[in-house]
Protein backbone atom coordinates (compact mmCIF):
# COMPACT_ATOMS: atom_id res chain seq x y z
CA MET A 1 26.54 46.77 12.73
CA PRO A 2 28.29 48.49 9.80
CA GLN A 3 26.65 48.43 6.35
CA GLY A 4 29.32 46.29 4.80
CA ALA A 5 29.70 43.81 7.97
CA GLY A 6 26.54 41.83 6.54
CA LYS A 7 28.13 41.55 3.22
CA CYS A 8 31.70 40.38 4.50
CA GLN A 9 29.84 37.67 6.37
CA LEU A 10 27.97 36.61 3.66
CA ILE A 11 31.40 36.26 1.78
CA TRP A 12 33.25 34.65 4.22
CA GLU A 13 30.22 31.85 4.59
CA THR A 14 30.60 31.44 0.72
CA ASP A 15 34.23 31.08 0.88
CA GLU A 16 33.85 28.57 3.85
CA GLN A 17 31.23 26.53 1.96
CA LEU A 18 33.53 26.46 -1.25
CA SER A 19 36.41 25.37 0.98
CA LYS A 20 34.57 22.68 2.55
CA ALA A 21 33.27 21.50 -1.16
CA ILE A 22 37.07 21.37 -2.38
CA LEU A 23 38.52 19.74 0.50
CA GLU A 24 35.84 16.79 -0.07
CA MET A 25 36.84 16.93 -3.54
CA LEU A 26 40.42 16.16 -2.60
CA HIS A 27 39.51 13.52 -0.06
CA ILE A 28 40.73 15.57 2.87
CA ASN A 29 38.32 14.42 6.04
CA THR A 30 39.06 17.55 7.87
CA LEU A 31 35.77 19.04 7.33
CA SER A 32 34.19 16.03 5.65
CA ILE A 33 30.70 14.96 6.83
CA PRO A 34 31.03 11.50 8.72
CA LEU A 35 29.42 8.79 7.06
CA ARG A 36 27.54 7.87 10.14
CA THR A 37 25.81 10.73 9.82
CA LYS A 38 24.43 9.81 6.37
CA PRO A 39 21.01 7.27 6.00
CA HIS A 40 22.04 3.79 5.97
CA HIS A 41 21.47 2.24 2.26
CA TYR A 42 19.26 -0.29 3.51
CA MET A 43 16.86 2.65 5.62
CA LYS A 44 16.85 4.21 2.24
CA LEU A 45 14.88 1.38 0.84
CA VAL A 46 12.85 1.05 4.01
CA TYR A 47 11.33 4.63 3.95
CA HIS A 48 11.16 4.26 0.09
CA LEU A 49 8.67 1.31 0.33
CA ARG A 50 6.31 2.52 3.57
CA ASN A 51 2.92 1.83 3.07
CA PRO A 52 1.13 5.52 2.83
CA PRO A 53 -1.53 4.60 5.23
CA ALA A 54 1.41 3.93 8.11
CA LEU A 55 2.96 7.25 7.44
CA ASN A 56 -0.33 9.00 9.03
CA SER A 57 0.27 7.24 12.24
CA GLU A 58 1.89 9.27 15.07
CA GLY A 59 4.83 8.35 16.90
CA THR A 60 8.16 6.28 15.87
CA LEU A 61 7.40 4.25 12.96
CA VAL A 62 10.75 2.56 12.70
CA GLN A 63 14.11 2.50 14.67
CA SER A 64 17.41 1.54 13.05
CA PHE A 65 20.87 0.94 15.35
CA ARG A 66 24.38 0.65 13.76
CA SER A 67 26.87 -2.09 15.07
CA ILE A 68 29.36 -0.89 17.66
CA GLN A 69 32.63 -2.24 18.57
CA ASP A 70 32.87 -5.47 20.51
CA PRO A 71 32.33 -4.07 24.20
CA ASP A 72 35.23 -6.11 25.70
CA PHE A 73 33.29 -9.08 26.79
CA GLY A 74 36.11 -11.81 25.53
CA ILE A 75 33.56 -12.90 23.10
CA PRO A 76 35.06 -13.05 19.71
CA GLY A 77 33.02 -13.32 16.66
CA TRP A 78 29.59 -11.50 17.55
CA LEU A 79 28.04 -8.41 16.13
CA TRP A 80 27.24 -6.06 18.67
CA PHE A 81 24.32 -2.99 19.00
CA ASN A 82 23.67 -0.62 21.75
CA ILE A 83 19.65 -0.53 21.84
CA SER A 84 19.42 1.42 24.66
CA TYR A 85 17.06 3.88 22.90
CA LEU A 86 14.87 1.00 21.83
CA LYS A 87 11.10 2.01 22.19
CA PRO A 88 8.77 -0.46 24.01
CA SER A 89 6.17 -0.20 21.33
CA MET A 90 8.69 -1.81 18.45
CA ARG A 91 6.93 -5.07 17.65
CA LEU A 92 9.33 -6.42 14.90
CA ALA A 93 12.97 -6.44 14.40
CA GLU A 94 15.56 -7.53 11.86
CA LEU A 95 19.28 -8.01 11.83
CA VAL A 96 20.26 -6.67 8.27
CA LEU A 97 23.56 -7.81 6.63
CA LEU A 98 24.74 -6.77 3.20
CA ARG A 99 26.34 -9.94 1.25
CA LYS A 100 29.68 -9.03 -0.30
CA THR A 101 30.76 -12.05 -1.98
CA LEU A 102 29.53 -14.80 -4.33
CA HIS A 103 30.79 -18.13 -4.40
CA PRO A 104 31.57 -19.56 -8.08
CA GLU A 105 29.74 -23.05 -7.46
CA SER A 106 26.05 -23.38 -6.57
CA LEU A 107 26.59 -24.43 -2.95
CA THR A 108 24.34 -24.00 0.04
CA VAL A 109 24.69 -23.42 3.60
CA ASN A 110 22.23 -23.36 6.72
CA VAL A 111 22.49 -20.57 9.00
CA THR A 112 20.95 -19.62 12.23
CA VAL A 113 21.24 -16.43 14.16
CA HIS A 114 21.79 -16.42 18.12
CA SER A 115 21.75 -13.70 20.31
CA ILE A 116 23.71 -13.00 23.57
CA SER A 117 23.05 -10.13 26.30
CA VAL A 118 25.02 -9.37 29.37
CA VAL A 119 22.99 -8.39 32.30
CA GLN A 120 25.02 -7.79 35.57
CA GLY A 121 28.04 -9.47 34.67
CA ASN A 122 25.72 -12.60 33.46
CA ILE A 123 25.86 -13.67 30.13
CA THR A 124 22.47 -14.86 28.74
CA GLU A 125 22.75 -17.08 25.12
CA SER A 126 19.75 -17.51 23.25
CA GLU A 127 18.40 -20.35 20.95
CA ALA A 128 18.21 -19.83 17.33
CA LEU A 129 16.01 -16.57 16.78
CA ASP A 130 15.93 -17.30 12.93
CA GLU A 131 17.08 -19.87 10.61
CA LYS A 132 18.03 -19.64 6.73
CA VAL A 133 19.40 -21.81 3.74
CA LEU A 134 21.55 -19.33 1.93
CA THR A 135 22.49 -20.21 -1.70
CA LEU A 136 26.05 -18.75 -2.03
CA ASP A 137 26.26 -18.04 -5.64
CA GLU A 138 23.24 -16.18 -5.68
CA LEU A 139 22.32 -12.65 -4.06
CA PRO A 140 18.96 -12.06 -2.15
CA PRO A 141 16.73 -9.51 -4.33
CA SER A 142 17.54 -6.50 -1.92
CA GLY A 143 21.33 -7.31 -1.83
CA TYR A 144 20.63 -8.06 2.17
CA ASP A 145 20.36 -11.12 4.18
CA VAL A 146 17.56 -10.31 6.65
CA PHE A 147 17.07 -12.03 9.70
CA ASN A 148 13.81 -12.06 12.11
CA ILE A 149 14.97 -11.21 15.78
CA SER A 150 11.67 -10.22 17.11
CA ALA A 151 12.29 -12.51 19.94
CA ILE A 152 14.64 -10.08 21.77
CA LEU A 153 12.12 -7.56 21.87
CA ASN A 154 10.21 -9.49 24.72
CA GLU A 155 13.33 -10.80 26.42
CA THR A 156 15.95 -8.39 26.31
CA THR A 157 16.98 -6.09 29.39
CA SER A 158 20.52 -5.39 28.70
CA ASP A 159 21.44 -2.04 26.89
CA VAL A 160 24.01 -3.90 24.70
CA ILE A 161 23.48 -7.18 22.88
CA GLY A 162 25.35 -9.19 20.38
CA PHE A 163 24.36 -11.89 17.65
CA GLN A 164 26.30 -14.66 16.35
CA LEU A 165 25.70 -16.71 12.82
CA ARG A 166 26.16 -20.05 12.95
CA PHE A 167 26.73 -22.25 10.15
CA THR A 168 26.25 -26.03 8.89
CA ASP A 169 26.49 -27.59 5.71
CA ASP A 170 24.58 -30.10 3.93
CA SER A 171 25.79 -33.04 6.14
CA GLY A 172 25.12 -30.92 9.38
CA SER A 173 28.74 -30.52 10.28
CA LEU A 174 29.49 -27.11 11.83
CA VAL A 175 31.87 -24.79 10.05
CA LEU A 176 34.04 -21.65 10.89
CA HIS A 177 31.03 -19.07 11.94
CA GLU A 178 33.47 -16.15 12.49
CA ALA A 179 35.40 -16.61 9.39
CA LEU A 180 32.35 -17.58 7.14
CA THR A 181 30.45 -14.16 8.30
CA LYS A 182 33.38 -12.34 7.49
CA SER A 183 33.88 -13.55 4.12
CA LEU A 184 30.11 -13.43 3.18
CA TYR A 185 29.20 -10.13 4.73
CA CYS A 186 30.09 -6.19 4.87
CA LEU A 187 31.03 -5.80 8.37
CA ASN A 188 33.02 -2.73 8.44
CA ARG A 189 31.70 0.05 10.59
CA CYS A 190 33.29 3.02 8.53
CA THR A 191 30.90 2.33 5.28
CA GLN A 192 27.27 2.68 4.98
CA ASN A 193 26.54 -0.86 4.44
CA GLU A 194 27.50 -1.93 7.88
CA PRO A 195 25.44 -4.37 10.28
CA LEU A 196 22.05 -2.94 11.01
CA LEU A 197 19.60 -3.68 13.51
CA VAL A 198 15.80 -2.34 12.56
CA ALA A 199 12.86 -2.28 14.63
CA TYR A 200 9.41 -1.79 13.46
CA ARG A 201 6.42 -0.47 15.47
CA PHE A 202 4.05 -2.05 12.52
CA LEU A 203 3.99 -5.91 11.28
CA MET A 204 5.56 -6.17 7.49
CA THR A 205 2.16 -6.53 6.09
CA GLU A 206 1.06 -3.29 7.86
CA LEU A 207 3.94 -1.48 7.21
CA TYR A 208 4.58 -2.42 3.31
CA GLY A 209 0.94 -3.15 2.21
CA GLY A 210 2.14 -7.12 1.63
CA SER A 211 5.33 -9.23 1.68
CA LYS A 212 8.66 -6.72 1.82
CA GLN A 213 10.21 -9.35 -0.35
CA GLN A 214 7.44 -9.24 -3.00
CA VAL A 215 7.47 -5.33 -2.80
CA ILE A 216 11.19 -5.32 -3.39
CA ARG A 217 11.03 -7.64 -6.42
CA GLU A 218 8.10 -5.54 -7.73
CA CYS A 219 10.03 -2.19 -7.25
CA GLN A 220 13.32 -3.84 -9.08
CA HIS A 221 10.93 -5.18 -11.97
CA CYS A 222 9.24 -1.70 -12.26
CA ALA A 223 12.91 0.13 -12.52
CA THR A 224 14.11 -2.37 -15.18
CA GLU A 225 10.96 -1.88 -17.22
CA ARG A 226 11.33 1.93 -16.80
CA ARG A 227 15.02 2.09 -18.14
CA ARG A 228 14.20 -0.17 -21.33
CA ASN A 229 11.03 2.06 -22.11
CA LEU A 230 13.03 5.14 -21.64
CA PRO A 231 12.29 7.48 -24.97
CA GLU A 232 15.08 8.28 -26.97
CA ASP A 233 15.27 11.89 -26.37
CA SER A 234 15.38 11.26 -22.32
CA ARG A 235 18.80 9.21 -22.53
CA LEU A 236 22.00 10.90 -22.05
CA GLN A 237 23.30 13.23 -24.98
CA HIS A 238 26.66 13.69 -26.15
CA CYS A 239 28.45 16.45 -24.20
CA SER A 240 31.42 18.38 -24.49
CA LEU A 241 34.35 18.07 -22.04
CA HIS A 242 35.47 21.32 -20.12
CA GLN A 243 38.38 21.99 -17.80
CA HIS A 244 38.42 24.60 -15.00
CA TYR A 245 41.43 25.39 -13.15
CA VAL A 246 40.77 25.78 -9.11
CA ASN A 247 43.43 28.43 -7.58
CA PHE A 248 43.88 27.78 -3.85
CA GLN A 249 46.00 30.98 -3.63
CA THR A 250 42.75 32.92 -4.38
CA MET A 251 40.92 31.46 -1.66
CA GLN A 252 40.79 31.04 1.96
CA LEU A 253 42.58 27.69 1.44
CA SER A 254 45.85 29.27 0.92
CA HIS A 255 47.04 28.81 4.50
CA TRP A 256 45.86 25.30 4.58
CA ILE A 257 47.36 23.81 1.58
CA LEU A 258 50.97 24.61 0.64
CA GLU A 259 51.13 22.11 -2.55
CA PRO A 260 49.81 21.72 -5.18
CA PRO A 261 49.00 25.82 -5.53
CA GLY A 262 45.67 24.31 -7.47
CA PHE A 263 44.19 21.57 -9.69
CA PHE A 264 42.26 21.00 -12.94
CA THR A 265 38.88 19.80 -12.59
CA SER A 266 36.98 18.41 -15.84
CA PHE A 267 32.99 18.43 -16.37
CA CYS A 268 30.60 17.85 -19.43
CA LYS A 269 28.45 20.35 -20.50
């Protein structure tokens, strides 16, 4: 290889990385990393709270499955997951949904979660896997409503499984399941807060060293106290605003972007 070849390759790789960064700043998705390659926000919480002794165990401790498109079974109002890679060693499973809206009044609603699986064309629907009373003007501590669906681990033989939330009011009357699910929860598969199925090899007390909700509350309380007790010199200091002009014509981007020829970016220093 000629002596300058390595240097040219290094320059090209640097320009390519810079080009990618600029495209992402301009919200051009051509070279952006898909959101689904990034960790789900709930899984970041799971990894943060794990009990250290559990980390020493060999094998897979936790599996997570993101929602998939409706597999065209003609059954509207269900949340679907492909669990073909679910390991038989898993002992606990959760359906995780991010609550996105709050009701202005203090209302409660009862919700049960049911599963459905399709094996060789036969549809099997479960009894209620879990039941909760939701207070619609309050968020759960983590922001997520988490349903225990561990019963599917012993019964499911299908690679694709669906879940439906069924709501009743205080009088026991059924309400619109699909509409209320869409209203309460973030179901968009293009976000990092989409529905999630999480399976654990350990029980919660083994994985977290106690109740997960208790650990979440303690973690949030500690974070609040840390913010309150920050010393003055650790808080943000005044900074001056600077501007920098990025010229596309001097980069490898000139043959991709015709207009504008560049842009100004601002930063503090």
